N, C-alpha and C. Protein backbone atom coordinates (compact mmCIF):
# COMPACT_ATOMS: atom_id res chain seq x y z
N MET A 1 0.85 -1.19 -0.03
CA MET A 1 0.01 -0.01 -0.05
C MET A 1 0.88 1.26 0.02
N ARG A 2 0.52 2.15 -0.86
CA ARG A 2 1.28 3.42 -0.93
C ARG A 2 0.86 4.33 0.23
N LYS A 3 1.85 5.16 0.69
CA LYS A 3 1.62 6.12 1.81
C LYS A 3 1.21 7.46 1.20
N LEU A 4 0.13 8.01 1.74
CA LEU A 4 -0.36 9.27 1.33
C LEU A 4 0.10 10.32 2.40
N ILE A 5 0.94 11.29 1.90
CA ILE A 5 1.53 12.28 2.87
C ILE A 5 1.06 13.70 2.53
N VAL A 6 0.44 14.34 3.50
CA VAL A 6 0.07 15.70 3.32
C VAL A 6 1.17 16.60 3.81
N SER A 7 1.55 17.56 2.90
CA SER A 7 2.52 18.59 3.21
C SER A 7 1.89 19.91 3.33
N ALA A 8 1.98 20.62 4.42
CA ALA A 8 1.32 21.90 4.51
C ALA A 8 2.02 22.93 5.32
N PHE A 9 1.88 24.22 4.95
CA PHE A 9 2.17 25.36 5.72
C PHE A 9 0.91 25.65 6.46
N VAL A 10 1.01 25.76 7.86
CA VAL A 10 -0.18 25.93 8.60
C VAL A 10 0.10 26.98 9.69
N SER A 11 -0.85 27.87 9.92
CA SER A 11 -0.73 28.81 11.04
C SER A 11 -1.09 28.05 12.33
N LEU A 12 -0.72 28.66 13.42
CA LEU A 12 -0.91 27.99 14.68
C LEU A 12 -2.44 27.70 14.99
N ASP A 13 -3.29 28.49 14.36
CA ASP A 13 -4.76 28.29 14.52
C ASP A 13 -5.32 27.49 13.32
N GLY A 14 -4.52 26.80 12.51
CA GLY A 14 -4.92 25.82 11.58
C GLY A 14 -5.24 26.37 10.23
N VAL A 15 -4.93 27.58 9.87
CA VAL A 15 -5.26 28.16 8.55
C VAL A 15 -4.12 27.70 7.57
N VAL A 16 -4.59 27.27 6.36
CA VAL A 16 -3.65 26.89 5.23
C VAL A 16 -3.81 27.76 4.02
N GLU A 17 -4.73 28.68 4.04
CA GLU A 17 -5.13 29.39 2.83
C GLU A 17 -4.06 30.46 2.42
N ALA A 18 -3.72 30.43 1.12
CA ALA A 18 -2.86 31.50 0.52
C ALA A 18 -1.54 31.68 1.13
N PRO A 19 -0.77 30.62 1.46
CA PRO A 19 0.50 30.97 2.14
C PRO A 19 1.56 31.66 1.29
N GLY A 20 1.41 31.45 -0.05
CA GLY A 20 2.42 31.95 -0.95
C GLY A 20 2.08 33.29 -1.64
N GLY A 21 0.99 33.89 -1.31
CA GLY A 21 0.62 35.12 -1.92
C GLY A 21 -0.52 35.03 -2.93
N GLU A 22 -1.21 33.97 -2.94
CA GLU A 22 -2.39 33.79 -3.82
C GLU A 22 -3.45 34.88 -3.63
N PRO A 23 -4.02 35.42 -4.65
CA PRO A 23 -4.89 36.55 -4.51
C PRO A 23 -6.24 36.18 -3.84
N GLY A 24 -6.96 37.17 -3.33
CA GLY A 24 -8.27 37.01 -2.88
C GLY A 24 -8.38 36.61 -1.35
N TYR A 25 -7.28 36.59 -0.69
CA TYR A 25 -7.38 36.25 0.78
C TYR A 25 -6.68 37.36 1.58
N ARG A 26 -7.29 37.84 2.54
CA ARG A 26 -6.85 39.01 3.34
C ARG A 26 -5.43 38.89 3.77
N ASN A 27 -4.97 37.76 4.29
CA ASN A 27 -3.66 37.56 4.81
C ASN A 27 -2.72 36.87 3.83
N SER A 28 -2.98 36.98 2.54
CA SER A 28 -2.16 36.27 1.52
C SER A 28 -0.75 36.52 1.72
N GLY A 29 0.07 35.45 1.54
CA GLY A 29 1.50 35.57 1.61
C GLY A 29 2.03 35.48 3.06
N TRP A 30 1.29 35.02 4.02
CA TRP A 30 1.59 35.05 5.36
C TRP A 30 2.90 34.23 5.71
N THR A 31 3.35 33.37 4.83
CA THR A 31 4.50 32.51 5.16
C THR A 31 5.83 33.38 5.05
N PHE A 32 5.80 34.48 4.35
CA PHE A 32 7.03 35.27 4.19
C PHE A 32 6.95 36.72 4.72
N LYS A 33 5.84 37.11 5.16
CA LYS A 33 5.60 38.48 5.72
C LYS A 33 6.03 38.41 7.20
N ASP A 34 6.99 39.31 7.57
CA ASP A 34 7.33 39.46 8.97
C ASP A 34 7.91 38.17 9.59
N ILE A 35 8.32 37.26 8.88
CA ILE A 35 8.96 36.04 9.36
C ILE A 35 10.32 35.88 8.63
N GLU A 36 11.36 35.81 9.47
CA GLU A 36 12.73 35.69 8.96
C GLU A 36 12.82 34.35 8.30
N PHE A 37 13.44 34.37 7.06
CA PHE A 37 13.66 33.18 6.31
C PHE A 37 14.86 32.42 6.83
N LEU A 38 14.70 31.16 7.22
CA LEU A 38 15.79 30.31 7.62
C LEU A 38 15.75 29.03 6.77
N PRO A 39 16.77 28.86 5.95
CA PRO A 39 16.78 27.70 5.03
C PRO A 39 16.55 26.37 5.69
N GLU A 40 17.17 26.22 6.88
CA GLU A 40 17.09 24.93 7.60
C GLU A 40 15.58 24.64 8.00
N ALA A 41 14.79 25.56 8.11
CA ALA A 41 13.36 25.30 8.45
C ALA A 41 12.66 24.68 7.25
N PHE A 42 13.16 24.86 6.07
CA PHE A 42 12.50 24.38 4.86
C PHE A 42 13.22 23.10 4.27
N GLU A 43 14.12 22.56 4.97
CA GLU A 43 14.83 21.34 4.52
C GLU A 43 13.88 20.22 4.15
N ILE A 44 12.80 20.14 4.86
CA ILE A 44 11.84 19.04 4.57
C ILE A 44 11.25 19.20 3.20
N LYS A 45 11.14 20.38 2.65
CA LYS A 45 10.53 20.58 1.37
C LYS A 45 11.36 19.88 0.29
N GLY A 46 12.76 20.06 0.38
CA GLY A 46 13.66 19.43 -0.54
C GLY A 46 13.62 17.90 -0.34
N ARG A 47 13.52 17.48 0.90
CA ARG A 47 13.45 15.99 1.14
C ARG A 47 12.22 15.40 0.53
N GLU A 48 11.13 16.08 0.58
CA GLU A 48 9.83 15.59 0.04
C GLU A 48 10.07 15.36 -1.46
N GLN A 49 10.62 16.24 -2.16
CA GLN A 49 10.84 16.07 -3.58
C GLN A 49 11.66 14.85 -3.86
N LYS A 50 12.65 14.63 -3.11
CA LYS A 50 13.55 13.43 -3.31
C LYS A 50 12.79 12.12 -2.98
N GLU A 51 11.94 12.13 -2.01
CA GLU A 51 11.33 10.93 -1.51
C GLU A 51 9.96 10.56 -2.28
N ALA A 52 9.30 11.55 -2.78
CA ALA A 52 8.00 11.35 -3.35
C ALA A 52 8.10 10.59 -4.69
N ALA A 53 7.19 9.60 -4.91
CA ALA A 53 7.08 8.90 -6.03
C ALA A 53 5.97 9.48 -6.99
N ALA A 54 5.09 10.28 -6.40
CA ALA A 54 4.03 10.87 -7.10
C ALA A 54 3.48 12.10 -6.30
N MET A 55 2.77 12.97 -6.97
CA MET A 55 2.15 14.13 -6.31
C MET A 55 0.71 14.18 -6.55
N MET A 56 -0.05 14.60 -5.56
CA MET A 56 -1.52 14.73 -5.68
C MET A 56 -1.89 16.17 -5.29
N MET A 57 -2.92 16.67 -6.02
CA MET A 57 -3.46 17.97 -5.76
C MET A 57 -5.00 17.93 -6.04
N GLY A 58 -5.72 18.95 -5.48
CA GLY A 58 -7.02 19.15 -5.87
C GLY A 58 -7.03 20.15 -7.07
N ARG A 59 -8.23 20.43 -7.56
CA ARG A 59 -8.39 21.22 -8.76
C ARG A 59 -7.78 22.64 -8.56
N VAL A 60 -8.12 23.31 -7.46
CA VAL A 60 -7.70 24.65 -7.26
C VAL A 60 -6.21 24.74 -7.16
N SER A 61 -5.59 23.88 -6.46
CA SER A 61 -4.13 23.91 -6.32
C SER A 61 -3.46 23.55 -7.64
N TYR A 62 -4.04 22.61 -8.37
CA TYR A 62 -3.48 22.25 -9.74
C TYR A 62 -3.51 23.50 -10.60
N GLN A 63 -4.65 24.20 -10.60
CA GLN A 63 -4.77 25.42 -11.44
C GLN A 63 -3.83 26.53 -10.99
N ALA A 64 -3.38 26.59 -9.73
CA ALA A 64 -2.51 27.54 -9.24
C ALA A 64 -1.06 27.15 -9.54
N PHE A 65 -0.72 25.85 -9.30
CA PHE A 65 0.69 25.36 -9.46
C PHE A 65 1.05 25.10 -10.97
N SER A 66 0.19 24.54 -11.70
CA SER A 66 0.57 24.01 -13.05
C SER A 66 1.07 25.10 -14.02
N PRO A 67 0.69 26.32 -13.94
CA PRO A 67 1.27 27.36 -14.82
C PRO A 67 2.71 27.80 -14.32
N VAL A 68 3.08 27.49 -13.09
CA VAL A 68 4.23 27.99 -12.54
C VAL A 68 5.34 26.89 -12.21
N TRP A 69 4.93 25.91 -11.51
CA TRP A 69 5.87 24.95 -10.99
C TRP A 69 6.69 24.12 -12.03
N PRO A 70 6.13 23.83 -13.18
CA PRO A 70 6.81 22.98 -14.17
C PRO A 70 8.19 23.69 -14.62
N ASP A 71 8.24 25.01 -14.62
CA ASP A 71 9.43 25.75 -15.06
C ASP A 71 10.27 26.24 -13.94
N MET A 72 9.94 25.99 -12.64
CA MET A 72 10.68 26.47 -11.47
C MET A 72 11.71 25.51 -11.05
N ALA A 73 12.97 25.94 -11.04
CA ALA A 73 14.12 25.08 -10.61
C ALA A 73 13.85 24.51 -9.13
N ASP A 74 13.16 25.30 -8.30
CA ASP A 74 12.87 24.88 -6.95
C ASP A 74 12.01 23.56 -6.87
N PHE A 75 11.26 23.33 -7.94
CA PHE A 75 10.38 22.18 -8.01
C PHE A 75 10.73 21.23 -9.12
N ALA A 76 11.99 21.20 -9.59
CA ALA A 76 12.39 20.44 -10.77
C ALA A 76 12.17 18.93 -10.57
N ASP A 77 12.38 18.39 -9.31
CA ASP A 77 12.21 16.94 -9.14
C ASP A 77 10.78 16.50 -9.32
N TYR A 78 9.80 17.41 -9.16
CA TYR A 78 8.45 17.01 -9.30
C TYR A 78 8.03 16.87 -10.82
N LYS A 79 8.83 17.39 -11.71
CA LYS A 79 8.45 17.40 -13.10
C LYS A 79 8.42 15.91 -13.58
N ALA A 80 9.37 15.10 -13.12
CA ALA A 80 9.52 13.72 -13.66
C ALA A 80 8.49 12.74 -13.07
N ILE A 81 7.92 13.04 -11.93
CA ILE A 81 7.03 12.09 -11.27
C ILE A 81 5.59 12.24 -11.71
N PRO A 82 4.79 11.12 -11.61
CA PRO A 82 3.41 11.28 -11.98
C PRO A 82 2.68 12.23 -11.04
N LYS A 83 1.66 12.96 -11.59
CA LYS A 83 0.85 13.83 -10.89
C LYS A 83 -0.63 13.34 -10.98
N TYR A 84 -1.35 13.40 -9.78
CA TYR A 84 -2.70 13.00 -9.79
C TYR A 84 -3.57 14.21 -9.32
N VAL A 85 -4.57 14.56 -10.10
CA VAL A 85 -5.42 15.70 -9.73
C VAL A 85 -6.86 15.16 -9.46
N VAL A 86 -7.34 15.40 -8.21
CA VAL A 86 -8.58 15.01 -7.80
C VAL A 86 -9.57 16.10 -8.16
N SER A 87 -10.45 15.83 -9.16
CA SER A 87 -11.38 16.82 -9.66
C SER A 87 -12.52 16.19 -10.35
N ALA A 88 -13.73 16.63 -10.07
CA ALA A 88 -14.91 16.18 -10.79
C ALA A 88 -15.16 17.02 -12.04
N THR A 89 -14.47 18.13 -12.18
CA THR A 89 -14.79 19.10 -13.25
C THR A 89 -13.73 19.24 -14.33
N LEU A 90 -12.49 19.08 -14.01
CA LEU A 90 -11.40 19.22 -14.98
C LEU A 90 -11.52 18.11 -16.05
N THR A 91 -11.06 18.46 -17.21
CA THR A 91 -10.95 17.43 -18.27
C THR A 91 -9.50 17.31 -18.74
N ASP A 92 -9.15 16.29 -19.53
CA ASP A 92 -7.83 16.17 -19.95
C ASP A 92 -7.34 17.43 -20.76
N ASP A 93 -8.28 18.13 -21.40
CA ASP A 93 -7.93 19.29 -22.14
C ASP A 93 -7.51 20.49 -21.21
N ASP A 94 -7.83 20.35 -19.89
CA ASP A 94 -7.49 21.39 -18.97
C ASP A 94 -6.05 21.21 -18.37
N LEU A 95 -5.47 20.04 -18.71
CA LEU A 95 -4.16 19.72 -18.09
C LEU A 95 -3.02 20.31 -18.95
N VAL A 96 -1.95 20.84 -18.24
CA VAL A 96 -0.79 21.33 -18.95
C VAL A 96 0.00 20.20 -19.56
N THR A 97 0.75 20.53 -20.61
CA THR A 97 1.53 19.48 -21.33
C THR A 97 2.97 19.43 -21.01
N ASN A 98 3.41 20.44 -20.16
CA ASN A 98 4.81 20.54 -19.89
C ASN A 98 5.24 20.17 -18.48
N TRP A 99 4.38 19.23 -17.83
CA TRP A 99 4.68 18.90 -16.49
C TRP A 99 4.75 17.40 -16.25
N GLY A 100 4.82 16.61 -17.35
CA GLY A 100 4.90 15.18 -17.25
C GLY A 100 3.49 14.57 -17.10
N GLU A 101 3.55 13.24 -16.77
CA GLU A 101 2.33 12.45 -16.68
C GLU A 101 1.37 13.02 -15.65
N THR A 102 0.14 13.31 -16.03
CA THR A 102 -0.95 13.81 -15.11
C THR A 102 -2.11 12.99 -15.33
N THR A 103 -2.76 12.49 -14.30
CA THR A 103 -3.95 11.67 -14.32
C THR A 103 -5.03 12.30 -13.48
N LEU A 104 -6.18 12.34 -14.03
CA LEU A 104 -7.37 12.88 -13.26
C LEU A 104 -7.99 11.75 -12.45
N LEU A 105 -8.30 12.04 -11.19
CA LEU A 105 -9.01 11.08 -10.33
C LEU A 105 -10.31 11.77 -10.01
N ARG A 106 -11.44 11.07 -10.12
CA ARG A 106 -12.74 11.63 -9.93
C ARG A 106 -13.34 11.60 -8.55
N SER A 107 -12.75 10.75 -7.69
CA SER A 107 -13.41 10.56 -6.40
C SER A 107 -12.42 10.08 -5.39
N LEU A 108 -12.89 10.09 -4.09
CA LEU A 108 -12.05 9.54 -2.99
C LEU A 108 -11.91 7.99 -3.20
N ASP A 109 -12.79 7.36 -3.79
CA ASP A 109 -12.62 5.90 -4.12
C ASP A 109 -11.44 5.72 -5.09
N ASP A 110 -11.31 6.64 -6.03
CA ASP A 110 -10.15 6.57 -6.96
C ASP A 110 -8.86 6.73 -6.18
N VAL A 111 -8.85 7.67 -5.19
CA VAL A 111 -7.64 7.87 -4.38
C VAL A 111 -7.35 6.59 -3.58
N ALA A 112 -8.32 5.96 -2.97
CA ALA A 112 -8.22 4.76 -2.20
C ALA A 112 -7.65 3.68 -3.06
N ALA A 113 -8.13 3.57 -4.31
CA ALA A 113 -7.67 2.53 -5.25
C ALA A 113 -6.20 2.78 -5.57
N LEU A 114 -5.89 4.06 -5.81
CA LEU A 114 -4.43 4.39 -6.10
C LEU A 114 -3.51 4.01 -4.98
N LYS A 115 -3.95 4.27 -3.76
CA LYS A 115 -3.16 3.88 -2.59
C LYS A 115 -2.87 2.32 -2.58
N GLU A 116 -3.67 1.56 -3.14
CA GLU A 116 -3.56 0.09 -3.13
C GLU A 116 -2.52 -0.40 -4.16
N THR A 117 -2.13 0.47 -5.03
CA THR A 117 -1.15 0.12 -6.07
C THR A 117 0.25 0.04 -5.59
N GLU A 118 1.16 -0.55 -6.35
CA GLU A 118 2.57 -0.59 -6.04
C GLU A 118 3.22 0.81 -6.33
N GLY A 119 4.19 1.16 -5.46
CA GLY A 119 4.85 2.40 -5.73
C GLY A 119 5.18 3.11 -4.36
N GLY A 120 5.92 4.17 -4.43
CA GLY A 120 6.35 4.90 -3.24
C GLY A 120 5.28 5.92 -2.87
N PRO A 121 5.73 6.77 -1.88
CA PRO A 121 4.82 7.74 -1.29
C PRO A 121 4.27 8.78 -2.31
N ILE A 122 3.01 9.22 -2.00
CA ILE A 122 2.35 10.22 -2.80
C ILE A 122 2.21 11.42 -1.90
N ILE A 123 2.80 12.58 -2.35
CA ILE A 123 2.75 13.85 -1.58
C ILE A 123 1.63 14.69 -2.03
N VAL A 124 0.91 15.23 -1.05
CA VAL A 124 -0.20 16.17 -1.37
C VAL A 124 0.23 17.56 -0.99
N HIS A 125 0.17 18.44 -2.00
CA HIS A 125 0.56 19.86 -1.78
C HIS A 125 -0.77 20.73 -1.83
N GLY A 126 -0.73 21.80 -1.07
CA GLY A 126 -1.89 22.70 -1.16
C GLY A 126 -3.20 21.97 -0.86
N SER A 127 -4.18 22.23 -1.68
CA SER A 127 -5.38 21.41 -1.74
C SER A 127 -6.14 21.34 -0.38
N ALA A 128 -6.49 22.45 0.19
CA ALA A 128 -7.23 22.48 1.52
C ALA A 128 -8.49 21.65 1.52
N SER A 129 -9.32 21.76 0.51
CA SER A 129 -10.59 21.01 0.53
C SER A 129 -10.31 19.56 0.35
N LEU A 130 -9.37 19.19 -0.52
CA LEU A 130 -8.99 17.80 -0.73
C LEU A 130 -8.42 17.24 0.57
N ASN A 131 -7.60 17.93 1.22
CA ASN A 131 -6.98 17.48 2.46
C ASN A 131 -8.05 17.15 3.56
N ARG A 132 -9.01 18.02 3.65
CA ARG A 132 -10.06 17.78 4.64
C ARG A 132 -10.88 16.55 4.31
N ALA A 133 -11.17 16.37 3.03
CA ALA A 133 -11.95 15.18 2.54
C ALA A 133 -11.11 13.90 2.77
N LEU A 134 -9.82 13.98 2.43
CA LEU A 134 -8.95 12.80 2.66
C LEU A 134 -8.84 12.40 4.09
N SER A 135 -8.71 13.43 4.90
CA SER A 135 -8.63 13.13 6.38
C SER A 135 -9.93 12.54 6.88
N ASP A 136 -11.02 13.07 6.48
CA ASP A 136 -12.33 12.58 6.95
C ASP A 136 -12.59 11.14 6.50
N ALA A 137 -12.02 10.83 5.37
CA ALA A 137 -12.16 9.46 4.75
C ALA A 137 -11.13 8.50 5.35
N GLY A 138 -10.22 9.00 6.17
CA GLY A 138 -9.21 8.06 6.66
C GLY A 138 -8.14 7.66 5.69
N LEU A 139 -7.83 8.45 4.72
CA LEU A 139 -6.89 8.08 3.69
C LEU A 139 -5.49 8.69 3.83
N ILE A 140 -5.36 9.58 4.79
CA ILE A 140 -3.99 10.13 4.99
C ILE A 140 -3.16 9.22 5.98
N ASP A 141 -1.91 9.06 5.63
CA ASP A 141 -0.99 8.28 6.45
C ASP A 141 -0.07 9.04 7.26
N ARG A 142 0.37 10.23 6.78
CA ARG A 142 1.38 11.10 7.45
C ARG A 142 1.13 12.49 7.12
N TYR A 143 1.48 13.41 8.08
CA TYR A 143 1.46 14.85 7.87
C TYR A 143 2.86 15.44 8.02
N HIS A 144 3.21 16.24 7.08
CA HIS A 144 4.46 17.08 7.14
C HIS A 144 3.99 18.49 7.30
N LEU A 145 4.06 19.03 8.54
CA LEU A 145 3.51 20.35 8.81
C LEU A 145 4.61 21.30 9.22
N LEU A 146 4.68 22.43 8.50
CA LEU A 146 5.48 23.58 8.99
C LEU A 146 4.54 24.53 9.58
N VAL A 147 4.63 24.61 10.93
CA VAL A 147 3.65 25.45 11.72
C VAL A 147 4.30 26.84 11.95
N PHE A 148 3.56 27.87 11.51
CA PHE A 148 4.03 29.27 11.62
C PHE A 148 3.49 29.90 12.86
N PRO A 149 4.24 30.67 13.53
CA PRO A 149 3.80 31.30 14.83
C PRO A 149 2.86 32.48 14.56
N LEU A 150 1.77 32.24 13.95
CA LEU A 150 0.78 33.18 13.57
C LEU A 150 -0.61 32.78 13.90
N LEU A 151 -1.50 33.74 14.20
CA LEU A 151 -2.87 33.47 14.35
C LEU A 151 -3.56 34.28 13.26
N LEU A 152 -4.17 33.61 12.27
CA LEU A 152 -4.71 34.24 11.12
C LEU A 152 -6.24 34.46 11.24
N GLY A 153 -6.88 33.79 12.12
CA GLY A 153 -8.33 33.91 12.31
C GLY A 153 -9.07 33.18 11.19
N ALA A 154 -9.71 33.89 10.28
CA ALA A 154 -10.44 33.33 9.21
C ALA A 154 -9.57 32.75 8.14
N GLY A 155 -10.08 31.83 7.35
CA GLY A 155 -9.35 31.25 6.27
C GLY A 155 -9.60 29.78 6.22
N LYS A 156 -9.26 29.17 5.10
CA LYS A 156 -9.45 27.76 4.92
C LYS A 156 -8.58 27.01 5.90
N ARG A 157 -9.12 26.01 6.54
CA ARG A 157 -8.43 25.20 7.63
C ARG A 157 -7.89 23.93 7.01
N LEU A 158 -6.86 23.42 7.70
CA LEU A 158 -6.25 22.11 7.30
C LEU A 158 -7.26 20.99 7.62
N PHE A 159 -7.90 21.06 8.75
CA PHE A 159 -8.81 20.01 9.19
C PHE A 159 -10.23 20.50 9.16
N SER A 160 -11.16 19.55 8.91
CA SER A 160 -12.59 19.85 8.80
C SER A 160 -13.18 19.95 10.23
N ALA A 161 -14.35 20.51 10.26
CA ALA A 161 -15.07 20.60 11.49
C ALA A 161 -16.05 19.41 11.73
N THR A 162 -15.88 18.40 10.89
CA THR A 162 -16.72 17.23 10.93
C THR A 162 -16.67 16.55 12.30
N ASP A 163 -17.76 16.22 12.88
CA ASP A 163 -17.81 15.48 14.12
C ASP A 163 -17.50 14.04 13.82
N LYS A 164 -16.37 13.58 14.34
CA LYS A 164 -15.99 12.19 14.06
C LYS A 164 -15.16 11.59 15.20
N ASP A 165 -14.91 10.37 15.13
CA ASP A 165 -14.16 9.70 16.21
C ASP A 165 -12.68 10.30 16.22
N THR A 166 -12.15 10.18 17.41
CA THR A 166 -10.76 10.68 17.64
C THR A 166 -9.83 9.94 16.69
N GLN A 167 -8.89 10.70 16.11
CA GLN A 167 -7.84 10.06 15.24
C GLN A 167 -6.52 10.41 15.94
N LYS A 168 -5.84 9.35 16.32
CA LYS A 168 -4.57 9.55 17.03
C LYS A 168 -3.43 9.69 16.07
N LEU A 169 -2.52 10.66 16.38
CA LEU A 169 -1.40 10.88 15.57
C LEU A 169 -0.12 10.61 16.47
N LYS A 170 0.99 10.11 15.81
CA LYS A 170 2.20 9.85 16.50
C LYS A 170 3.27 10.80 15.91
N LEU A 171 3.87 11.67 16.79
CA LEU A 171 4.91 12.54 16.38
C LEU A 171 6.21 11.74 16.18
N VAL A 172 6.64 11.76 14.89
CA VAL A 172 7.89 10.99 14.50
C VAL A 172 9.13 11.89 14.18
N GLU A 173 8.83 13.18 14.10
CA GLU A 173 9.94 14.15 13.91
C GLU A 173 9.45 15.50 14.21
N HIS A 174 10.33 16.24 14.95
CA HIS A 174 9.97 17.57 15.40
C HIS A 174 11.20 18.42 15.51
N GLU A 175 11.09 19.64 15.05
CA GLU A 175 12.14 20.64 15.31
C GLU A 175 11.55 22.02 15.32
N ALA A 176 12.09 22.81 16.30
CA ALA A 176 11.68 24.21 16.39
C ALA A 176 12.89 25.05 15.93
N TYR A 177 12.57 26.17 15.28
CA TYR A 177 13.61 27.04 14.69
C TYR A 177 13.60 28.44 15.34
N ALA A 178 14.67 29.12 15.16
CA ALA A 178 14.87 30.39 15.81
C ALA A 178 13.82 31.42 15.36
N ASN A 179 13.22 31.25 14.20
CA ASN A 179 12.19 32.25 13.64
C ASN A 179 10.77 31.84 14.17
N GLY A 180 10.69 30.86 15.03
CA GLY A 180 9.43 30.46 15.55
C GLY A 180 8.68 29.35 14.81
N LEU A 181 9.20 28.97 13.67
CA LEU A 181 8.50 27.90 12.92
C LEU A 181 8.77 26.55 13.59
N GLN A 182 7.84 25.63 13.44
CA GLN A 182 8.01 24.28 13.91
C GLN A 182 7.78 23.29 12.82
N LYS A 183 8.66 22.27 12.78
CA LYS A 183 8.42 21.18 11.87
C LYS A 183 7.84 20.01 12.66
N ASN A 184 6.67 19.57 12.24
CA ASN A 184 5.98 18.39 12.92
C ASN A 184 5.71 17.36 11.83
N VAL A 185 6.27 16.23 11.93
CA VAL A 185 5.95 15.05 11.11
C VAL A 185 5.23 14.07 11.99
N LEU A 186 4.00 13.78 11.51
CA LEU A 186 3.09 12.99 12.34
C LEU A 186 2.53 11.87 11.50
N ASP A 187 2.63 10.62 12.09
CA ASP A 187 2.03 9.52 11.42
C ASP A 187 0.59 9.32 11.96
N VAL A 188 -0.31 8.94 11.12
CA VAL A 188 -1.66 8.55 11.61
C VAL A 188 -1.62 7.18 12.16
N VAL A 189 -2.09 7.03 13.41
CA VAL A 189 -2.11 5.68 14.09
C VAL A 189 -3.40 4.99 13.67
N ARG A 190 -3.22 3.83 13.15
CA ARG A 190 -4.45 3.04 12.71
C ARG A 190 -4.67 1.90 13.68
């Protein structure tokens, strides 16, 4: 079974919306405003690229990343691996042609079936709505969270407000940095 790993920049109060400056959100760009950049705090991002065998996104994140990431040196390792986009509305004609193999998945059942195939870890970037649905369906195996020392209030959250049974997580890696960021790698306990 393949491992599904969610990678997220998250505020202390759980907001994941517009960390890189995406338009339309009041606090857009919160990951780099008033926070000192420390390369060591982002080491996990490079490691993710080296370890991922595939990448998964929801429609909104795909539409934000696909015009930019294929030509960015910072994300070069992702170009060669398969991409999976979970969307009920996109068609093959909506997919970019310069980012390698990209497959549309139509449902969480498709995601569950993909996890049953042979292969290495699948990393999920962005995709707030997809992350909440994957979590509620019990499909996430690990979280890579860079927690920022900010309270943003409103905004899309990493976790849903669905009333459900407790889901236990096991902290397998943690580091705190001088700029206040914390790296938390957590496995879902089944």
